[in-house]
Amino acid sequence: MAHEQHAELIKALHDCAAACNHCFDACLQEEDVKMMVGCIRLDRECADICSYLEHAITRNSPFVSELAAVCAAICEACGTECQKHDHDHCQKCAEACFKCAEACRSVA
C-alpha cells in the first residue's frame, strides 16, 4: 500500500501541518500582528498543502510526486519566512517545514 511505503513522509507532513497550525495561532497572539502577516499567510498555505498531500498519499493518488514537489516548495518558503522571526513557535515551525520539504523532495 502506498501509505505504508510513505510512512516517513506522512509523519513529516502531519508534524509540519501541526507546527504550522500552532505557529499560525501563536502569530495571531503576537503584539505586532502586522509584522507577522507573511508568516501567518505561509503557515496557512503550508498546513493546507501538507494536509492535502497526506490525504492524497493515503488514497493512493496518481499525483503524489507532483503534489510533493509543490509541497516541498511551499514548506521551504514557510520555513524561510518563519526562520526570520525569533519567536520559539516560528523557529520550531521552520524546523518542521525544512524537514518536511526534504521528505517531499525524496518522492517528488
PDB file of N, CA and C in Angstrom:
ATOM      1  N   MET A   1       0.843  -1.189   0.000  1.00  0.00           N
ATOM      2  CA  MET A   1       0.000   0.000   0.000  1.00  0.00           C
ATOM      3  C   MET A   1       0.884   1.247   0.000  1.00  0.00           C
ATOM      4  N   ALA A   2       0.480   2.249  -0.745  1.00  0.00           N
ATOM      5  CA  ALA A   2       1.275   3.469  -0.911  1.00  0.00           C
ATOM      6  C   ALA A   2       1.506   4.183   0.416  1.00  0.00           C
ATOM      7  N   HIS A   3       0.493   4.207   1.266  1.00  0.00           N
ATOM      8  CA  HIS A   3       0.674   4.947   2.510  1.00  0.00           C
ATOM      9  C   HIS A   3       1.676   4.271   3.447  1.00  0.00           C
ATOM     10  N   GLU A   4       1.836   2.959   3.351  1.00  0.00           N
ATOM     11  CA  GLU A   4       2.850   2.272   4.157  1.00  0.00           C
ATOM     12  C   GLU A   4       4.241   2.568   3.605  1.00  0.00           C
ATOM     13  N   GLN A   5       4.355   2.654   2.302  1.00  0.00           N
ATOM     14  CA  GLN A   5       5.620   2.957   1.641  1.00  0.00           C
ATOM     15  C   GLN A   5       6.085   4.379   1.981  1.00  0.00           C
ATOM     16  N   HIS A   6       5.147   5.271   2.243  1.00  0.00           N
ATOM     17  CA  HIS A   6       5.468   6.673   2.506  1.00  0.00           C
ATOM     18  C   HIS A   6       5.243   7.063   3.969  1.00  0.00           C
ATOM     19  N   ALA A   7       5.405   6.120   4.874  1.00  0.00           N
ATOM     20  CA  ALA A   7       5.121   6.368   6.291  1.00  0.00           C
ATOM     21  C   ALA A   7       5.942   7.529   6.856  1.00  0.00           C
ATOM     22  N   GLU A   8       7.209   7.613   6.484  1.00  0.00           N
ATOM     23  CA  GLU A   8       8.063   8.690   6.996  1.00  0.00           C
ATOM     24  C   GLU A   8       7.582  10.052   6.480  1.00  0.00           C
ATOM     25  N   LEU A   9       7.213  10.105   5.207  1.00  0.00           N
ATOM     26  CA  LEU A   9       6.697  11.344   4.633  1.00  0.00           C
ATOM     27  C   LEU A   9       5.379  11.733   5.298  1.00  0.00           C
ATOM     28  N   ILE A  10       4.505  10.776   5.506  1.00  0.00           N
ATOM     29  CA  ILE A  10       3.212  11.062   6.147  1.00  0.00           C
ATOM     30  C   ILE A  10       3.434  11.660   7.532  1.00  0.00           C
ATOM     31  N   LYS A  11       4.379  11.122   8.284  1.00  0.00           N
ATOM     32  CA  LYS A  11       4.676  11.668   9.614  1.00  0.00           C
ATOM     33  C   LYS A  11       5.214  13.088   9.504  1.00  0.00           C
ATOM     34  N   ALA A  12       6.120  13.334   8.563  1.00  0.00           N
ATOM     35  CA  ALA A  12       6.685  14.681   8.378  1.00  0.00           C
ATOM     36  C   ALA A  12       5.586  15.667   7.976  1.00  0.00           C
ATOM     37  N   LEU A  13       4.681  15.236   7.101  1.00  0.00           N
ATOM     38  CA  LEU A  13       3.565  16.086   6.683  1.00  0.00           C
ATOM     39  C   LEU A  13       2.656  16.418   7.857  1.00  0.00           C
ATOM     40  N   HIS A  14       2.332  15.401   8.633  1.00  0.00           N
ATOM     41  CA  HIS A  14       1.460  15.592   9.797  1.00  0.00           C
ATOM     42  C   HIS A  14       2.105  16.536  10.810  1.00  0.00           C
ATOM     43  N   ASP A  15       3.384  16.306  11.102  1.00  0.00           N
ATOM     44  CA  ASP A  15       4.101  17.142  12.070  1.00  0.00           C
ATOM     45  C   ASP A  15       4.221  18.581  11.576  1.00  0.00           C
ATOM     46  N   CYS A  16       4.458  18.746  10.283  1.00  0.00           N
ATOM     47  CA  CYS A  16       4.589  20.085   9.713  1.00  0.00           C
ATOM     48  C   CYS A  16       3.258  20.829   9.771  1.00  0.00           C
ATOM     49  N   ALA A  17       2.191  20.169   9.399  1.00  0.00           N
ATOM     50  CA  ALA A  17       0.872  20.813   9.453  1.00  0.00           C
ATOM     51  C   ALA A  17       0.542  21.240  10.881  1.00  0.00           C
ATOM     52  N   ALA A  18       0.848  20.383  11.851  1.00  0.00           N
ATOM     53  CA  ALA A  18       0.586  20.710  13.251  1.00  0.00           C
ATOM     54  C   ALA A  18       1.436  21.906  13.693  1.00  0.00           C
ATOM     55  N   ALA A  19       2.711  21.930  13.316  1.00  0.00           N
ATOM     56  CA  ALA A  19       3.599  23.036  13.675  1.00  0.00           C
ATOM     57  C   ALA A  19       3.121  24.340  13.038  1.00  0.00           C
ATOM     58  N   CYS A  20       2.704  24.268  11.774  1.00  0.00           N
ATOM     59  CA  CYS A  20       2.206  25.463  11.077  1.00  0.00           C
ATOM     60  C   CYS A  20       0.914  25.971  11.703  1.00  0.00           C
ATOM     61  N   ASN A  21       0.018  25.067  12.070  1.00  0.00           N
ATOM     62  CA  ASN A  21      -1.224  25.484  12.721  1.00  0.00           C
ATOM     63  C   ASN A  21      -0.942  26.144  14.066  1.00  0.00           C
ATOM     64  N   HIS A  22      -0.001  25.590  14.817  1.00  0.00           N
ATOM     65  CA  HIS A  22       0.377  26.180  16.103  1.00  0.00           C
ATOM     66  C   HIS A  22       1.010  27.556  15.889  1.00  0.00           C
ATOM     67  N   CYS A  23       1.902  27.649  14.913  1.00  0.00           N
ATOM     68  CA  CYS A  23       2.579  28.912  14.624  1.00  0.00           C
ATOM     69  C   CYS A  23       1.565  29.965  14.178  1.00  0.00           C
ATOM     70  N   PHE A  24       0.658  29.583  13.308  1.00  0.00           N
ATOM     71  CA  PHE A  24      -0.402  30.464  12.834  1.00  0.00           C
ATOM     72  C   PHE A  24      -1.165  31.063  14.013  1.00  0.00           C
ATOM     73  N   ASP A  25      -1.606  30.199  14.917  1.00  0.00           N
ATOM     74  CA  ASP A  25      -2.380  30.638  16.070  1.00  0.00           C
ATOM     75  C   ASP A  25      -1.535  31.530  16.987  1.00  0.00           C
ATOM     76  N   ALA A  26      -0.288  31.125  17.223  1.00  0.00           N
ATOM     77  CA  ALA A  26       0.592  31.903  18.102  1.00  0.00           C
ATOM     78  C   ALA A  26       0.929  33.263  17.484  1.00  0.00           C
ATOM     79  N   CYS A  27       1.106  33.306  16.171  1.00  0.00           N
ATOM     80  CA  CYS A  27       1.395  34.581  15.498  1.00  0.00           C
ATOM     81  C   CYS A  27       0.241  35.568  15.668  1.00  0.00           C
ATOM     82  N   LEU A  28      -0.970  35.059  15.668  1.00  0.00           N
ATOM     83  CA  LEU A  28      -2.134  35.926  15.856  1.00  0.00           C
ATOM     84  C   LEU A  28      -2.176  36.538  17.253  1.00  0.00           C
ATOM     85  N   GLN A  29      -1.448  35.941  18.188  1.00  0.00           N
ATOM     86  CA  GLN A  29      -1.399  36.439  19.561  1.00  0.00           C
ATOM     87  C   GLN A  29      -0.234  37.403  19.795  1.00  0.00           C
ATOM     88  N   GLU A  30       0.645  37.525  18.810  1.00  0.00           N
ATOM     89  CA  GLU A  30       1.807  38.405  18.965  1.00  0.00           C
ATOM     90  C   GLU A  30       1.377  39.867  19.038  1.00  0.00           C
ATOM     91  N   GLU A  31       2.183  40.662  19.729  1.00  0.00           N
ATOM     92  CA  GLU A  31       1.881  42.078  19.920  1.00  0.00           C
ATOM     93  C   GLU A  31       1.775  42.818  18.584  1.00  0.00           C
ATOM     94  N   ASP A  32       2.716  42.558  17.682  1.00  0.00           N
ATOM     95  CA  ASP A  32       2.723  43.230  16.391  1.00  0.00           C
ATOM     96  C   ASP A  32       2.285  42.241  15.307  1.00  0.00           C
ATOM     97  N   VAL A  33       0.982  42.013  15.216  1.00  0.00           N
ATOM     98  CA  VAL A  33       0.440  41.036  14.278  1.00  0.00           C
ATOM     99  C   VAL A  33       0.758  41.431  12.832  1.00  0.00           C
ATOM    100  N   LYS A  34       0.770  42.729  12.542  1.00  0.00           N
ATOM    101  CA  LYS A  34       1.054  43.173  11.172  1.00  0.00           C
ATOM    102  C   LYS A  34       2.427  42.699  10.709  1.00  0.00           C
ATOM    103  N   MET A  35       3.380  42.639  11.624  1.00  0.00           N
ATOM    104  CA  MET A  35       4.718  42.163  11.285  1.00  0.00           C
ATOM    105  C   MET A  35       4.706  40.669  10.947  1.00  0.00           C
ATOM    106  N   MET A  36       3.689  39.962  11.400  1.00  0.00           N
ATOM    107  CA  MET A  36       3.616  38.511  11.245  1.00  0.00           C
ATOM    108  C   MET A  36       2.748  38.075  10.064  1.00  0.00           C
ATOM    109  N   VAL A  37       2.242  39.016   9.276  1.00  0.00           N
ATOM    110  CA  VAL A  37       1.302  38.689   8.201  1.00  0.00           C
ATOM    111  C   VAL A  37       1.875  37.659   7.224  1.00  0.00           C
ATOM    112  N   GLY A  38       3.113  37.852   6.784  1.00  0.00           N
ATOM    113  CA  GLY A  38       3.721  36.903   5.848  1.00  0.00           C
ATOM    114  C   GLY A  38       3.840  35.520   6.449  1.00  0.00           C
ATOM    115  N   CYS A  39       4.204  35.460   7.704  1.00  0.00           N
ATOM    116  CA  CYS A  39       4.336  34.188   8.404  1.00  0.00           C
ATOM    117  C   CYS A  39       2.965  33.503   8.527  1.00  0.00           C
ATOM    118  N   ILE A  40       1.973  34.270   8.916  1.00  0.00           N
ATOM    119  CA  ILE A  40       0.615  33.730   9.069  1.00  0.00           C
ATOM    120  C   ILE A  40       0.115  33.175   7.738  1.00  0.00           C
ATOM    121  N   ARG A  41       0.294  33.942   6.678  1.00  0.00           N
ATOM    122  CA  ARG A  41      -0.180  33.515   5.353  1.00  0.00           C
ATOM    123  C   ARG A  41       0.494  32.205   4.926  1.00  0.00           C
ATOM    124  N   LEU A  42       1.813  32.137   5.083  1.00  0.00           N
ATOM    125  CA  LEU A  42       2.525  30.922   4.679  1.00  0.00           C
ATOM    126  C   LEU A  42       2.229  29.741   5.600  1.00  0.00           C
ATOM    127  N   ASP A  43       1.994  30.007   6.875  1.00  0.00           N
ATOM    128  CA  ASP A  43       1.578  28.926   7.785  1.00  0.00           C
ATOM    129  C   ASP A  43       0.309  28.262   7.269  1.00  0.00           C
ATOM    130  N   ARG A  44      -0.653  29.069   6.822  1.00  0.00           N
ATOM    131  CA  ARG A  44      -1.921  28.524   6.299  1.00  0.00           C
ATOM    132  C   ARG A  44      -1.680  27.730   5.028  1.00  0.00           C
ATOM    133  N   GLU A  45      -0.928  28.308   4.103  1.00  0.00           N
ATOM    134  CA  GLU A  45      -0.632  27.619   2.833  1.00  0.00           C
ATOM    135  C   GLU A  45       0.044  26.276   3.105  1.00  0.00           C
ATOM    136  N   CYS A  46       1.022  26.309   3.981  1.00  0.00           N
ATOM    137  CA  CYS A  46       1.819  25.115   4.262  1.00  0.00           C
ATOM    138  C   CYS A  46       0.980  24.036   4.955  1.00  0.00           C
ATOM    139  N   ALA A  47       0.237  24.424   5.968  1.00  0.00           N
ATOM    140  CA  ALA A  47      -0.603  23.448   6.677  1.00  0.00           C
ATOM    141  C   ALA A  47      -1.607  22.813   5.718  1.00  0.00           C
ATOM    142  N   ASP A  48      -2.177  23.631   4.841  1.00  0.00           N
ATOM    143  CA  ASP A  48      -3.169  23.116   3.900  1.00  0.00           C
ATOM    144  C   ASP A  48      -2.564  22.122   2.909  1.00  0.00           C
ATOM    145  N   ILE A  49      -1.430  22.470   2.301  1.00  0.00           N
ATOM    146  CA  ILE A  49      -0.831  21.560   1.311  1.00  0.00           C
ATOM    147  C   ILE A  49      -0.311  20.289   1.980  1.00  0.00           C
ATOM    148  N   CYS A  50       0.223  20.411   3.189  1.00  0.00           N
ATOM    149  CA  CYS A  50       0.691  19.209   3.896  1.00  0.00           C
ATOM    150  C   CYS A  50      -0.470  18.272   4.198  1.00  0.00           C
ATOM    151  N   SER A  51      -1.567  18.823   4.663  1.00  0.00           N
ATOM    152  CA  SER A  51      -2.743  18.003   4.958  1.00  0.00           C
ATOM    153  C   SER A  51      -3.282  17.367   3.684  1.00  0.00           C
ATOM    154  N   TYR A  52      -3.322  18.142   2.609  1.00  0.00           N
ATOM    155  CA  TYR A  52      -3.828  17.620   1.350  1.00  0.00           C
ATOM    156  C   TYR A  52      -2.951  16.481   0.827  1.00  0.00           C
ATOM    157  N   LEU A  53      -1.638  16.682   0.861  1.00  0.00           N
ATOM    158  CA  LEU A  53      -0.731  15.637   0.384  1.00  0.00           C
ATOM    159  C   LEU A  53      -0.837  14.386   1.245  1.00  0.00           C
ATOM    160  N   GLU A  54      -0.980  14.550   2.545  1.00  0.00           N
ATOM    161  CA  GLU A  54      -1.157  13.387   3.427  1.00  0.00           C
ATOM    162  C   GLU A  54      -2.392  12.589   3.003  1.00  0.00           C
ATOM    163  N   HIS A  55      -3.484  13.268   2.731  1.00  0.00           N
ATOM    164  CA  HIS A  55      -4.698  12.585   2.281  1.00  0.00           C
ATOM    165  C   HIS A  55      -4.494  11.948   0.909  1.00  0.00           C
ATOM    166  N   ALA A  56      -3.822  12.657   0.020  1.00  0.00           N
ATOM    167  CA  ALA A  56      -3.583  12.132  -1.334  1.00  0.00           C
ATOM    168  C   ALA A  56      -2.775  10.830  -1.278  1.00  0.00           C
ATOM    169  N   ILE A  57      -1.788  10.791  -0.406  1.00  0.00           N
ATOM    170  CA  ILE A  57      -0.971   9.581  -0.267  1.00  0.00           C
ATOM    171  C   ILE A  57      -1.823   8.421   0.234  1.00  0.00           C
ATOM    172  N   THR A  58      -2.644   8.679   1.241  1.00  0.00           N
ATOM    173  CA  THR A  58      -3.424   7.589   1.831  1.00  0.00           C
ATOM    174  C   THR A  58      -4.508   7.071   0.903  1.00  0.00           C
ATOM    175  N   ARG A  59      -4.894   7.850  -0.111  1.00  0.00           N
ATOM    176  CA  ARG A  59      -5.878   7.348  -1.082  1.00  0.00           C
ATOM    177  C   ARG A  59      -5.211   6.922  -2.381  1.00  0.00           C
ATOM    178  N   ASN A  60      -3.870   6.852  -2.366  1.00  0.00           N
ATOM    179  CA  ASN A  60      -3.084   6.367  -3.493  1.00  0.00           C
ATOM    180  C   ASN A  60      -3.288   7.200  -4.760  1.00  0.00           C
ATOM    181  N   SER A  61      -3.256   8.510  -4.589  1.00  0.00           N
ATOM    182  CA  SER A  61      -3.412   9.428  -5.718  1.00  0.00           C
ATOM    183  C   SER A  61      -2.284   9.226  -6.732  1.00  0.00           C
ATOM    184  N   PRO A  62      -2.597   9.320  -8.021  1.00  0.00           N
ATOM    185  CA  PRO A  62      -1.548   9.208  -9.035  1.00  0.00           C
ATOM    186  C   PRO A  62      -0.696  10.481  -9.145  1.00  0.00           C
ATOM    187  N   PHE A  63      -1.033  11.516  -8.371  1.00  0.00           N
ATOM    188  CA  PHE A  63      -0.337  12.796  -8.448  1.00  0.00           C
ATOM    189  C   PHE A  63       0.562  13.069  -7.248  1.00  0.00           C
ATOM    190  N   VAL A  64       0.908  12.037  -6.493  1.00  0.00           N
ATOM    191  CA  VAL A  64       1.708  12.226  -5.282  1.00  0.00           C
ATOM    192  C   VAL A  64       3.037  12.923  -5.575  1.00  0.00           C
ATOM    193  N   SER A  65       3.745  12.493  -6.602  1.00  0.00           N
ATOM    194  CA  SER A  65       5.053  13.104  -6.850  1.00  0.00           C
ATOM    195  C   SER A  65       4.918  14.577  -7.248  1.00  0.00           C
ATOM    196  N   GLU A  66       3.919  14.912  -8.045  1.00  0.00           N
ATOM    197  CA  GLU A  66       3.697  16.308  -8.437  1.00  0.00           C
ATOM    198  C   GLU A  66       3.302  17.157  -7.232  1.00  0.00           C
ATOM    199  N   LEU A  67       2.397  16.636  -6.420  1.00  0.00           N
ATOM    200  CA  LEU A  67       1.969  17.353  -5.216  1.00  0.00           C
ATOM    201  C   LEU A  67       3.130  17.506  -4.232  1.00  0.00           C
ATOM    202  N   ALA A  68       3.970  16.486  -4.141  1.00  0.00           N
ATOM    203  CA  ALA A  68       5.126  16.547  -3.243  1.00  0.00           C
ATOM    204  C   ALA A  68       6.092  17.645  -3.668  1.00  0.00           C
ATOM    205  N   ALA A  69       6.251  17.850  -4.970  1.00  0.00           N
ATOM    206  CA  ALA A  69       7.130  18.920  -5.459  1.00  0.00           C
ATOM    207  C   ALA A  69       6.586  20.285  -5.057  1.00  0.00           C
ATOM    208  N   VAL A  70       5.284  20.475  -5.209  1.00  0.00           N
ATOM    209  CA  VAL A  70       4.653  21.737  -4.806  1.00  0.00           C
ATOM    210  C   VAL A  70       4.752  21.906  -3.292  1.00  0.00           C
ATOM    211  N   CYS A  71       4.490  20.836  -2.568  1.00  0.00           N
ATOM    212  CA  CYS A  71       4.545  20.878  -1.109  1.00  0.00           C
ATOM    213  C   CYS A  71       5.955  21.246  -0.633  1.00  0.00           C
ATOM    214  N   ALA A  72       6.972  20.675  -1.265  1.00  0.00           N
ATOM    215  CA  ALA A  72       8.355  20.999  -0.888  1.00  0.00           C
ATOM    216  C   ALA A  72       8.631  22.489  -1.064  1.00  0.00           C
ATOM    217  N   ALA A  73       8.156  23.063  -2.155  1.00  0.00           N
ATOM    218  CA  ALA A  73       8.382  24.490  -2.414  1.00  0.00           C
ATOM    219  C   ALA A  73       7.683  25.353  -1.371  1.00  0.00           C
ATOM    220  N   ILE A  74       6.460  24.991  -1.023  1.00  0.00           N
ATOM    221  CA  ILE A  74       5.704  25.766  -0.033  1.00  0.00           C
ATOM    222  C   ILE A  74       6.322  25.608   1.354  1.00  0.00           C
ATOM    223  N   CYS A  75       6.709  24.395   1.708  1.00  0.00           N
ATOM    224  CA  CYS A  75       7.361  24.165   3.010  1.00  0.00           C
ATOM    225  C   CYS A  75       8.656  24.967   3.118  1.00  0.00           C
ATOM    226  N   GLU A  76       9.419  24.985   2.047  1.00  0.00           N
ATOM    227  CA  GLU A  76      10.675  25.732   2.028  1.00  0.00           C
ATOM    228  C   GLU A  76      10.403  27.229   2.228  1.00  0.00           C
ATOM    229  N   ALA A  77       9.405  27.753   1.534  1.00  0.00           N
ATOM    230  CA  ALA A  77       9.056  29.169   1.667  1.00  0.00           C
ATOM    231  C   ALA A  77       8.577  29.498   3.077  1.00  0.00           C
ATOM    232  N   CYS A  78       7.760  28.627   3.645  1.00  0.00           N
ATOM    233  CA  CYS A  78       7.257  28.848   5.001  1.00  0.00           C
ATOM    234  C   CYS A  78       8.395  28.785   6.018  1.00  0.00           C
ATOM    235  N   GLY A  79       9.259  27.793   5.866  1.00  0.00           N
ATOM    236  CA  GLY A  79      10.401  27.676   6.777  1.00  0.00           C
ATOM    237  C   GLY A  79      11.312  28.883   6.710  1.00  0.00           C
ATOM    238  N   THR A  80      11.544  29.379   5.513  1.00  0.00           N
ATOM    239  CA  THR A  80      12.401  30.553   5.338  1.00  0.00           C
ATOM    240  C   THR A  80      11.784  31.783   6.001  1.00  0.00           C
ATOM    241  N   GLU A  81      10.476  31.948   5.852  1.00  0.00           N
ATOM    242  CA  GLU A  81       9.786  33.078   6.488  1.00  0.00           C
ATOM    243  C   GLU A  81       9.810  32.934   8.005  1.00  0.00           C
ATOM    244  N   CYS A  82       9.471  31.762   8.502  1.00  0.00           N
ATOM    245  CA  CYS A  82       9.438  31.549   9.961  1.00  0.00           C
ATOM    246  C   CYS A  82      10.814  31.749  10.584  1.00  0.00           C
ATOM    247  N   GLN A  83      11.835  31.359   9.869  1.00  0.00           N
ATOM    248  CA  GLN A  83      13.211  31.472  10.366  1.00  0.00           C
ATOM    249  C   GLN A  83      13.595  32.928  10.637  1.00  0.00           C
ATOM    250  N   LYS A  84      12.926  33.864  10.001  1.00  0.00           N
ATOM    251  CA  LYS A  84      13.224  35.292  10.172  1.00  0.00           C
ATOM    252  C   LYS A  84      12.780  35.821  11.537  1.00  0.00           C
ATOM    253  N   HIS A  85      11.902  35.091  12.213  1.00  0.00           N
ATOM    254  CA  HIS A  85      11.314  35.562  13.472  1.00  0.00           C
ATOM    255  C   HIS A  85      11.917  34.803  14.652  1.00  0.00           C
ATOM    256  N   ASP A  86      12.185  35.525  15.721  1.00  0.00           N
ATOM    257  CA  ASP A  86      12.846  34.932  16.890  1.00  0.00           C
ATOM    258  C   ASP A  86      11.914  34.128  17.790  1.00  0.00           C
ATOM    259  N   HIS A  87      10.624  34.205  17.555  1.00  0.00           N
ATOM    260  CA  HIS A  87       9.674  33.506  18.422  1.00  0.00           C
ATOM    261  C   HIS A  87       9.936  31.998  18.378  1.00  0.00           C
ATOM    262  N   ASP A  88       9.823  31.367  19.531  1.00  0.00           N
ATOM    263  CA  ASP A  88      10.054  29.928  19.637  1.00  0.00           C
ATOM    264  C   ASP A  88       9.141  29.147  18.680  1.00  0.00           C
ATOM    265  N   HIS A  89       7.877  29.553  18.602  1.00  0.00           N
ATOM    266  CA  HIS A  89       6.940  28.828  17.727  1.00  0.00           C
ATOM    267  C   HIS A  89       7.352  28.951  16.266  1.00  0.00           C
ATOM    268  N   CYS A  90       7.907  30.078  15.873  1.00  0.00           N
ATOM    269  CA  CYS A  90       8.366  30.252  14.492  1.00  0.00           C
ATOM    270  C   CYS A  90       9.601  29.388  14.219  1.00  0.00           C
ATOM    271  N   GLN A  91      10.512  29.332  15.161  1.00  0.00           N
ATOM    272  CA  GLN A  91      11.722  28.525  14.973  1.00  0.00           C
ATOM    273  C   GLN A  91      11.389  27.035  14.889  1.00  0.00           C
ATOM    274  N   LYS A  92      10.468  26.581  15.727  1.00  0.00           N
ATOM    275  CA  LYS A  92      10.043  25.176  15.681  1.00  0.00           C
ATOM    276  C   LYS A  92       9.300  24.876  14.386  1.00  0.00           C
ATOM    277  N   CYS A  93       8.515  25.827  13.921  1.00  0.00           N
ATOM    278  CA  CYS A  93       7.793  25.656  12.665  1.00  0.00           C
ATOM    279  C   CYS A  93       8.780  25.566  11.501  1.00  0.00           C
ATOM    280  N   ALA A  94       9.777  26.444  11.500  1.00  0.00           N
ATOM    281  CA  ALA A  94      10.787  26.424  10.434  1.00  0.00           C
ATOM    282  C   ALA A  94      11.473  25.065  10.382  1.00  0.00           C
ATOM    283  N   GLU A  95      11.821  24.538  11.528  1.00  0.00           N
ATOM    284  CA  GLU A  95      12.475  23.231  11.602  1.00  0.00           C
ATOM    285  C   GLU A  95      11.586  22.142  10.993  1.00  0.00           C
ATOM    286  N   ALA A  96      10.312  22.133  11.358  1.00  0.00           N
ATOM    287  CA  ALA A  96       9.371  21.142  10.824  1.00  0.00           C
ATOM    288  C   ALA A  96       9.188  21.321   9.317  1.00  0.00           C
ATOM    289  N   CYS A  97       9.141  22.568   8.869  1.00  0.00           N
ATOM    290  CA  CYS A  97       8.964  22.847   7.440  1.00  0.00           C
ATOM    291  C   CYS A  97      10.150  22.345   6.619  1.00  0.00           C
ATOM    292  N   PHE A  98      11.356  22.611   7.084  1.00  0.00           N
ATOM    293  CA  PHE A  98      12.536  22.184   6.340  1.00  0.00           C
ATOM    294  C   PHE A  98      12.648  20.660   6.306  1.00  0.00           C
ATOM    295  N   LYS A  99      12.294  20.018   7.421  1.00  0.00           N
ATOM    296  CA  LYS A  99      12.312  18.551   7.467  1.00  0.00           C
ATOM    297  C   LYS A  99      11.270  17.986   6.489  1.00  0.00           C
ATOM    298  N   CYS A 100      10.117  18.600   6.442  1.00  0.00           N
ATOM    299  CA  CYS A 100       9.058  18.138   5.551  1.00  0.00           C
ATOM    300  C   CYS A 100       9.436  18.388   4.092  1.00  0.00           C
ATOM    301  N   ALA A 101      10.040  19.538   3.800  1.00  0.00           N
ATOM    302  CA  ALA A 101      10.466  19.834   2.429  1.00  0.00           C
ATOM    303  C   ALA A 101      11.435  18.780   1.945  1.00  0.00           C
ATOM    304  N   GLU A 102      12.352  18.385   2.807  1.00  0.00           N
ATOM    305  CA  GLU A 102      13.330  17.353   2.450  1.00  0.00           C
ATOM    306  C   GLU A 102      12.637  16.015   2.166  1.00  0.00           C
ATOM    307  N   ALA A 103      11.689  15.660   3.024  1.00  0.00           N
ATOM    308  CA  ALA A 103      10.940  14.405   2.836  1.00  0.00           C
ATOM    309  C   ALA A 103      10.123  14.451   1.545  1.00  0.00           C
ATOM    310  N   CYS A 104       9.537  15.599   1.243  1.00  0.00           N
ATOM    311  CA  CYS A 104       8.757  15.744  -0.002  1.00  0.00           C
ATOM    312  C   CYS A 104       9.656  15.605  -1.226  1.00  0.00           C
ATOM    313  N   ARG A 105      10.830  16.206  -1.178  1.00  0.00           N
ATOM    314  CA  ARG A 105      11.748  16.118  -2.324  1.00  0.00           C
ATOM    315  C   ARG A 105      12.162  14.683  -2.593  1.00  0.00           C
ATOM    316  N   SER A 106      12.149  13.841  -1.556  1.00  0.00           N
ATOM    317  CA  SER A 106      12.569  12.449  -1.757  1.00  0.00           C
ATOM    318  C   SER A 106      11.567  11.651  -2.588  1.00  0.00           C
ATOM    319  N   VAL A 107      10.337  12.133  -2.712  1.00  0.00           N
ATOM    320  CA  VAL A 107       9.342  11.436  -3.548  1.00  0.00           C
ATOM    321  C   VAL A 107       8.902  12.263  -4.754  1.00  0.00           C
ATOM    322  N   ALA A 108       9.337  13.494  -4.821  1.00  0.00           N
ATOM    323  CA  ALA A 108       8.933  14.380  -5.936  1.00  0.00           C
ATOM    324  C   ALA A 108       9.635  13.976  -7.225  1.00  0.00           C
TER     325      ALA A 108
END
